[in-house]
Amino acid sequence: MTLPNRFEFPIAKAQYLFSRTTEPGKGGDKRKFWQEVMEFQSPEAIRETILAEVSLDMLQPQSQNEQGQLYRAYIQVTGASGISRRIRTVWIVLFNEDIARFVTAVPDRSGGL
């Protein structure tokens, strides 16, 4: 297993968090959480906040898939709303690489406020 030495978080991934909605009963509504609950005003703000809170030593191995090793890191995020939530971030390190690439970020159901 190759340990990552840096993060990669393309703005397109933050745009996904900022705009993705789901059908009722099909999982969480990312747009509603990040925009309405946390009151982030842009994908750039979400990206900057996550990168400011996460560090390489926080990464915990989660599982492996056909592309690489998945990691998770739990961070505390406070939105413009003043609400603070524990967030589970997921990262992947592709085989034969050492870059932790952002996959997603969701509220940690066990983390609470």
Protein backbone atom coordinates (compact mmCIF):
# COMPACT_ATOMS: atom_id res chain seq x y z
CA MET A 1 0.00 0.00 0.00
CA THR A 2 1.44 3.35 -1.07
CA LEU A 3 1.01 6.16 1.42
CA PRO A 4 -0.14 9.46 -0.09
CA ASN A 5 2.09 12.51 0.09
CA ARG A 6 -0.40 15.15 -1.12
CA PHE A 7 -4.05 15.82 -1.86
CA GLU A 8 -5.79 16.46 -5.16
CA PHE A 9 -9.26 18.02 -5.06
CA PRO A 10 -10.44 19.24 -8.48
CA ILE A 11 -13.03 22.02 -8.42
CA ALA A 12 -15.35 19.76 -10.47
CA LYS A 13 -15.67 17.50 -7.40
CA ALA A 14 -16.69 20.48 -5.26
CA GLN A 15 -19.17 21.53 -7.94
CA TYR A 16 -20.69 18.05 -7.65
CA LEU A 17 -21.18 18.57 -3.90
CA PHE A 18 -22.69 21.98 -4.55
CA SER A 19 -25.15 20.93 -7.23
CA ARG A 20 -25.98 17.24 -6.84
CA THR A 21 -29.56 16.41 -5.91
CA THR A 22 -31.07 12.97 -5.56
CA GLU A 23 -34.49 11.52 -5.92
CA PRO A 24 -36.45 11.06 -2.67
CA GLY A 25 -35.33 7.91 -0.86
CA LYS A 26 -32.13 7.60 -2.93
CA GLY A 27 -29.58 8.88 -0.44
CA GLY A 28 -28.63 12.32 0.82
CA ASP A 29 -29.13 15.54 -1.08
CA LYS A 30 -25.63 16.98 -1.23
CA ARG A 31 -26.77 20.34 -2.60
CA LYS A 32 -29.28 20.84 0.18
CA PHE A 33 -26.76 19.99 2.90
CA TRP A 34 -23.92 22.18 1.61
CA GLN A 35 -26.05 25.13 0.43
CA GLU A 36 -29.10 25.22 2.70
CA VAL A 37 -27.88 23.67 5.95
CA MET A 38 -24.24 24.78 5.96
CA GLU A 39 -24.89 27.88 3.78
CA PHE A 40 -21.81 27.62 1.59
CA GLN A 41 -22.05 30.12 -1.26
CA SER A 42 -19.74 28.45 -3.79
CA PRO A 43 -17.98 25.19 -4.64
CA GLU A 44 -14.66 26.99 -4.12
CA ALA A 45 -15.60 27.75 -0.51
CA ILE A 46 -16.45 24.09 0.16
CA ARG A 47 -13.16 22.96 -1.39
CA GLU A 48 -11.09 25.50 0.57
CA THR A 49 -12.79 24.58 3.84
CA ILE A 50 -12.28 20.84 3.41
CA LEU A 51 -8.63 21.26 2.40
CA ALA A 52 -8.01 23.57 5.38
CA GLU A 53 -9.32 20.94 7.81
CA VAL A 54 -7.90 17.68 6.44
CA SER A 55 -4.32 16.46 6.73
CA LEU A 56 -2.52 13.39 5.42
CA ASP A 57 -2.03 11.97 8.91
CA MET A 58 -5.83 11.93 9.39
CA LEU A 59 -6.35 9.43 6.56
CA GLN A 60 -7.56 6.02 7.72
CA PRO A 61 -7.59 3.02 5.36
CA GLN A 62 -11.19 2.13 4.50
CA SER A 63 -11.21 -0.45 1.72
CA GLN A 64 -9.74 -1.29 -1.64
CA ASN A 65 -11.41 -1.45 -5.03
CA GLU A 66 -10.24 -2.26 -8.54
CA GLN A 67 -8.71 1.23 -8.88
CA GLY A 68 -6.86 1.67 -5.61
CA GLN A 69 -6.94 2.12 -1.85
CA LEU A 70 -9.80 4.13 -0.34
CA TYR A 71 -9.23 6.24 2.76
CA ARG A 72 -11.51 8.24 5.01
CA ALA A 73 -10.82 11.24 7.20
CA TYR A 74 -13.19 12.87 9.65
CA ILE A 75 -13.12 16.64 9.90
CA GLN A 76 -15.14 19.30 11.70
CA VAL A 77 -16.63 21.89 9.33
CA THR A 78 -18.39 25.09 10.31
CA GLY A 79 -20.50 26.66 7.60
CA ALA A 80 -21.51 30.28 7.07
CA SER A 81 -24.69 29.34 8.93
CA GLY A 82 -22.62 28.88 12.09
CA ILE A 83 -23.59 25.21 12.19
CA SER A 84 -20.70 22.85 12.82
CA ARG A 85 -20.84 19.25 11.64
CA ARG A 86 -18.53 16.29 11.64
CA ILE A 87 -17.88 15.37 8.00
CA ARG A 88 -16.59 12.09 6.61
CA THR A 89 -14.36 12.70 3.62
CA VAL A 90 -13.37 9.87 1.26
CA TRP A 91 -10.18 9.81 -0.79
CA ILE A 92 -8.64 7.30 -3.19
CA VAL A 93 -4.99 6.59 -3.88
CA LEU A 94 -4.79 4.91 -7.26
CA PHE A 95 -2.48 1.92 -7.58
CA ASN A 96 1.15 2.94 -8.16
CA GLU A 97 0.43 6.57 -7.23
CA ASP A 98 0.90 8.60 -4.05
CA ILE A 99 -1.82 11.24 -4.46
CA ALA A 100 -4.95 11.17 -2.29
CA ARG A 101 -7.72 12.16 -4.71
CA PHE A 102 -10.99 13.52 -3.32
CA VAL A 103 -14.03 11.27 -3.83
CA THR A 104 -16.80 12.75 -1.64
CA ALA A 105 -17.74 14.39 1.64
CA VAL A 106 -20.87 13.62 3.63
CA PRO A 107 -22.14 14.45 7.11
CA ASP A 108 -21.07 11.75 9.53
CA ARG A 109 -24.28 10.25 10.85
CA SER A 110 -22.63 9.26 14.13
CA GLY A 111 -20.82 12.58 14.55
CA GLY A 112 -23.72 14.92 15.25
CA LEU A 113 -23.41 18.64 15.75
